[in-house]
Protein backbone atom coordinates (compact mmCIF):
# COMPACT_ATOMS: atom_id res chain seq x y z
CA MET A 1 121.74 109.08 102.46
CA THR A 2 119.58 108.84 99.34
CA LYS A 3 122.67 109.45 97.22
CA ILE A 4 124.34 106.37 98.68
CA PHE A 5 121.17 104.27 98.43
CA PHE A 6 120.37 105.04 94.78
CA ASN A 7 124.00 104.78 93.70
CA PHE A 8 124.31 101.36 95.40
CA TRP A 9 120.96 100.17 93.98
CA ARG A 10 121.99 101.29 90.50
CA LYS A 11 125.24 99.33 90.65
CA VAL A 12 123.66 96.22 92.17
CA GLY A 13 120.77 96.36 89.68
CA PHE A 14 123.22 96.55 86.79
CA ALA A 15 125.23 93.60 88.12
CA LEU A 16 122.05 91.59 88.67
CA ALA A 17 120.83 92.36 85.15
CA LEU A 18 124.14 91.20 83.68
CA ALA A 19 124.08 88.07 85.84
CA THR A 20 120.50 87.36 84.78
CA ILE A 21 121.42 87.70 81.11
CA LEU A 22 124.31 85.26 81.59
CA PHE A 23 122.08 82.86 83.55
CA CYS A 24 119.42 82.97 80.84
CA TYR A 25 122.03 82.42 78.14
CA THR A 26 123.39 79.29 79.79
CA THR A 27 120.01 77.73 80.56
CA LEU A 28 117.67 78.74 77.74
CA PRO A 29 117.01 76.44 74.77
CA ASP A 30 118.62 77.21 71.41
CA SER A 31 115.41 78.90 70.16
CA VAL A 32 113.93 81.47 72.54
CA ALA A 33 110.19 82.12 72.21
CA ILE A 34 109.54 85.86 72.30
CA THR A 35 105.95 86.12 71.01
CA HIS A 36 102.95 83.93 71.75
CA ALA A 37 99.47 83.40 70.34
CA GLU A 38 96.35 83.94 72.42
CA THR A 39 96.31 80.22 73.17
CA GLY A 40 99.76 80.45 74.77
CA GLU A 41 101.59 78.67 71.96
CA PRO A 42 104.86 80.28 70.83
CA GLU A 43 104.82 82.07 67.47
CA GLY A 44 108.09 83.99 67.20
CA PHE A 45 111.55 82.71 68.01
CA ILE A 46 115.07 84.10 68.09
CA SER A 47 118.31 82.26 68.63
CA LYS A 48 119.88 82.16 72.06
CA GLU A 49 122.94 84.02 70.79
CA VAL A 50 120.89 86.86 69.31
CA PHE A 51 118.98 87.13 72.59
CA PHE A 52 122.23 87.29 74.57
CA TYR A 53 124.01 89.85 72.41
CA ALA A 54 120.92 92.03 71.94
CA SER A 55 119.97 92.12 75.61
CA ALA A 56 123.56 92.67 76.80
CA GLY A 57 124.11 95.37 74.18
CA ILE A 58 120.88 97.16 75.04
CA LEU A 59 121.66 97.03 78.76
CA LEU A 60 125.20 98.33 78.35
CA LEU A 61 124.32 101.03 75.82
CA PHE A 62 121.31 102.28 77.79
CA ASN A 63 123.31 102.51 81.03
CA LEU A 64 126.20 104.21 79.26
CA LEU A 65 123.97 106.81 77.60
CA VAL A 66 121.94 107.60 80.72
CA ASN A 67 125.11 107.92 82.81
CA ALA A 68 126.60 110.27 80.21
CA LEU A 69 123.41 112.36 80.17
CA ARG A 70 123.41 112.47 83.99
CA ASP A 71 126.99 113.71 84.10
CA GLN A 72 126.38 116.39 81.46
CA LEU A 73 123.15 117.67 83.02
CA ALA A 74 124.86 117.96 86.40
CA LYS A 75 127.28 120.47 84.79
CA VAL A 76 124.64 122.70 83.17
CA ASN A 77 124.17 126.19 84.61
CA PHE A 78 120.39 126.28 85.02
CA ALA A 79 120.49 129.90 86.21
CA LYS A 80 120.83 130.86 82.53
CA VAL A 81 117.86 128.66 81.58
CA ASN A 82 115.46 129.78 84.32
CA PRO A 83 116.93 132.59 86.44
CA VAL A 84 113.88 132.91 88.73
CA SER A 85 113.89 129.27 89.81
CA GLU A 86 114.92 128.56 93.39
CA TRP A 87 116.57 125.35 92.22
CA ALA A 88 118.71 127.29 89.72
CA LYS A 89 119.87 129.61 92.50
CA GLN A 90 121.26 126.62 94.40
CA PRO A 91 123.26 124.69 91.80
CA LYS A 92 124.81 122.20 94.25
CA LYS A 93 121.41 121.05 95.47
CA LEU A 94 120.08 120.90 91.91
CA SER A 95 123.07 118.90 90.74
CA ALA A 96 122.74 116.47 93.66
CA PHE A 97 119.01 116.06 93.00
CA LEU A 98 119.56 115.38 89.28
CA ILE A 99 122.28 112.82 90.00
CA ASN A 100 120.05 111.07 92.55
CA TRP A 101 117.11 111.07 90.16
CA PHE A 102 119.14 109.58 87.31
CA ASN A 103 120.63 106.97 89.64
CA GLY A 104 117.13 106.05 90.84
CA PHE A 105 115.86 105.89 87.27
CA LEU A 106 118.67 103.57 86.19
CA ALA A 107 118.23 101.47 89.32
CA PHE A 108 114.55 100.96 88.55
CA VAL A 109 115.11 100.18 84.87
CA ASN A 110 117.88 97.67 85.64
CA THR A 111 115.81 95.98 88.34
CA PHE A 112 112.74 95.86 86.12
CA LEU A 113 114.82 94.31 83.35
CA VAL A 114 115.83 91.53 85.75
CA PHE A 115 112.16 90.67 86.32
CA VAL A 116 111.39 90.81 82.59
CA LEU A 117 114.30 88.48 81.83
CA LEU A 118 113.22 86.07 84.58
CA GLY A 119 109.71 86.08 83.13
CA LEU A 120 111.12 85.29 79.69
CA TYR A 121 113.19 82.53 81.27
CA ASN A 122 110.11 81.03 82.94
CA VAL A 123 108.25 81.02 79.66
CA ASN A 124 111.14 79.32 77.86
CA THR A 125 112.05 76.63 80.36
CA THR A 126 111.69 72.95 79.54
CA ARG A 127 107.91 73.13 79.95
CA GLY A 128 107.60 73.54 76.21
CA GLN A 129 107.87 77.33 75.88
CA ARG A 130 104.17 77.72 76.62
CA LEU A 131 102.87 80.93 78.14
CA ASP A 132 101.09 79.43 81.16
CA LEU A 133 101.10 82.54 83.33
CA ASN A 134 99.95 85.97 82.25
CA TYR A 135 102.76 88.51 82.73
CA ASN A 136 100.69 91.54 81.70
CA TRP A 137 100.54 92.74 85.32
CA LEU A 138 104.33 93.01 85.35
CA MET A 139 104.36 95.19 82.24
CA LEU A 140 101.55 97.40 83.56
CA PHE A 141 103.27 97.81 86.94
CA GLY A 142 106.56 98.66 85.24
CA ALA A 143 104.91 101.19 82.93
CA ALA A 144 103.08 102.86 85.82
CA MET A 145 106.24 103.09 87.91
CA LEU A 146 108.23 104.40 84.97
CA LEU A 147 105.63 107.13 84.33
CA PHE A 148 105.71 108.07 88.02
CA ILE A 149 109.51 108.32 88.01
CA LEU A 150 109.57 110.30 84.75
CA PHE A 151 106.95 112.83 85.90
CA TYR A 152 108.48 113.18 89.37
CA LEU A 153 111.49 115.11 88.05
CA PRO A 154 109.70 118.02 86.34
CA LEU A 155 106.98 118.21 88.99
CA LYS A 156 109.53 118.41 91.80
CA LEU A 157 111.59 121.04 89.99
CA LEU A 158 108.59 123.16 88.96
CA TYR A 159 106.45 123.05 92.10
CA THR A 160 108.86 122.77 95.01
CA ASN A 161 111.83 124.65 96.36
CA PRO A 162 115.00 122.97 97.56
CA SER A 163 115.01 122.05 101.22
CA ALA A 164 117.90 121.65 103.63
CA ASN A 165 118.05 117.87 103.15
CA ASP A 166 118.09 117.92 99.31
CA GLU A 167 121.87 117.88 99.15
């Protein structure tokens, strides 16, 4: 069930991120404010086209590389790496867990990118590109969740054994 959920979330998150990039491209002003002073006034700008191509390129390249890494790690024989590990003795369960973890990781990153892009859109709307709302909480939440997701993989593999429902 988790395999279906994370795979679906990954695909929907990717589609939403692409749609958000296209939405931002069509509605943002020609100069997009990306840095602001302490007073909320914009300091650094990039063109709308650079924003579009950079964000779309980063999204596509990141997803492509993580998917390639996921597929290659699912093929590795971990019994040669750590022969005493219970996970390595059950390669199907390990492979399924790694695929689910990578799908969940990509799903979170794609979804978080949607919120970051919407925050950038809100800052750059016709209200004068002024930073009226503090978005630091969003960055802190995203960083905390990303650390949790990143540390979950090695902790689960090192300190637990596969259960019957891990496949």
